[in-house]
Amino acid sequence: MRAFFGLNSEYIEDVYEQMFFMNYTGNWSITELYSLPVGLRRWFVKRTIKQKDDEHEAYEKAQQKSRRS
């Protein structure tokens, strides 16, 4: 359902997913997340995902190296 004024349900769902992710991975409070500007919140989400991917890749490389030894 699209709202004539305001935000549609898909947008709100995306906002809630971002807030959950940042709370779960970084212990941000809902108040902190709610008061962040949208662009900054999105940047933190993308940057956190990149960091987690980089850490996972480093872990995988270390696992492969230890198996060869």
Protein backbone atom coordinates (compact mmCIF):
# COMPACT_ATOMS: atom_id res chain seq x y z
CA MET A 1 0.00 0.00 0.00
CA ARG A 2 1.38 3.40 -0.97
CA ALA A 3 0.69 6.44 1.12
CA PHE A 4 -0.10 9.70 -0.62
CA PHE A 5 1.79 11.64 2.02
CA GLY A 6 4.52 10.22 4.17
CA LEU A 7 6.50 7.05 3.84
CA ASN A 8 5.35 3.76 2.37
CA SER A 9 5.57 0.47 4.26
CA GLU A 10 8.58 -0.77 2.24
CA TYR A 11 10.62 2.29 3.21
CA ILE A 12 9.68 1.92 6.87
CA GLU A 13 10.64 -1.79 6.74
CA ASP A 14 14.04 -0.83 5.32
CA VAL A 15 14.56 1.74 8.07
CA TYR A 16 13.67 -0.85 10.73
CA GLU A 17 16.05 -3.38 9.16
CA GLN A 18 18.88 -0.82 9.23
CA MET A 19 18.13 0.05 12.84
CA PHE A 20 18.02 -3.62 13.86
CA PHE A 21 21.30 -4.35 12.06
CA MET A 22 23.12 -1.43 13.68
CA ASN A 23 21.70 -2.23 17.10
CA TYR A 24 22.64 -5.92 16.74
CA THR A 25 26.15 -5.41 15.35
CA GLY A 26 27.17 -2.20 17.08
CA ASN A 27 24.96 -1.88 20.15
CA TRP A 28 23.61 1.45 18.94
CA SER A 29 20.57 2.57 20.86
CA ILE A 30 17.31 3.12 19.02
CA THR A 31 17.42 6.77 20.09
CA GLU A 32 20.90 7.22 18.59
CA LEU A 33 19.85 5.54 15.35
CA TYR A 34 16.59 7.44 15.08
CA SER A 35 18.34 10.78 15.44
CA LEU A 36 21.06 10.03 12.84
CA PRO A 37 20.60 11.70 9.47
CA VAL A 38 19.42 9.19 6.85
CA GLY A 39 22.57 9.46 4.73
CA LEU A 40 24.86 8.94 7.71
CA ARG A 41 22.85 5.94 8.95
CA ARG A 42 23.05 4.36 5.49
CA TRP A 43 26.81 5.01 5.38
CA PHE A 44 27.29 3.29 8.75
CA VAL A 45 25.27 0.27 7.56
CA LYS A 46 27.29 -0.05 4.33
CA ARG A 47 30.59 0.47 6.15
CA THR A 48 29.73 -2.09 8.83
CA ILE A 49 28.85 -4.64 6.15
CA LYS A 50 32.16 -3.95 4.37
CA GLN A 51 34.06 -4.36 7.65
CA LYS A 52 32.33 -7.66 8.43
CA ASP A 53 33.04 -8.93 4.89
CA ASP A 54 36.72 -7.94 5.20
CA GLU A 55 36.99 -9.69 8.57
CA HIS A 56 35.36 -12.82 7.16
CA GLU A 57 37.74 -12.83 4.21
CA ALA A 58 40.75 -12.47 6.52
CA TYR A 59 39.42 -15.32 8.67
CA GLU A 60 38.99 -17.55 5.63
CA LYS A 61 42.55 -16.81 4.46
CA ALA A 62 43.92 -17.60 7.91
CA GLN A 63 41.97 -20.88 7.96
CA GLN A 64 43.36 -21.89 4.57
CA LYS A 65 46.89 -20.98 5.65
CA SER A 66 46.61 -23.03 8.84
CA ARG A 67 45.32 -26.06 6.91
CA ARG A 68 48.39 -25.98 4.65
CA SER A 69 50.79 -25.97 7.57
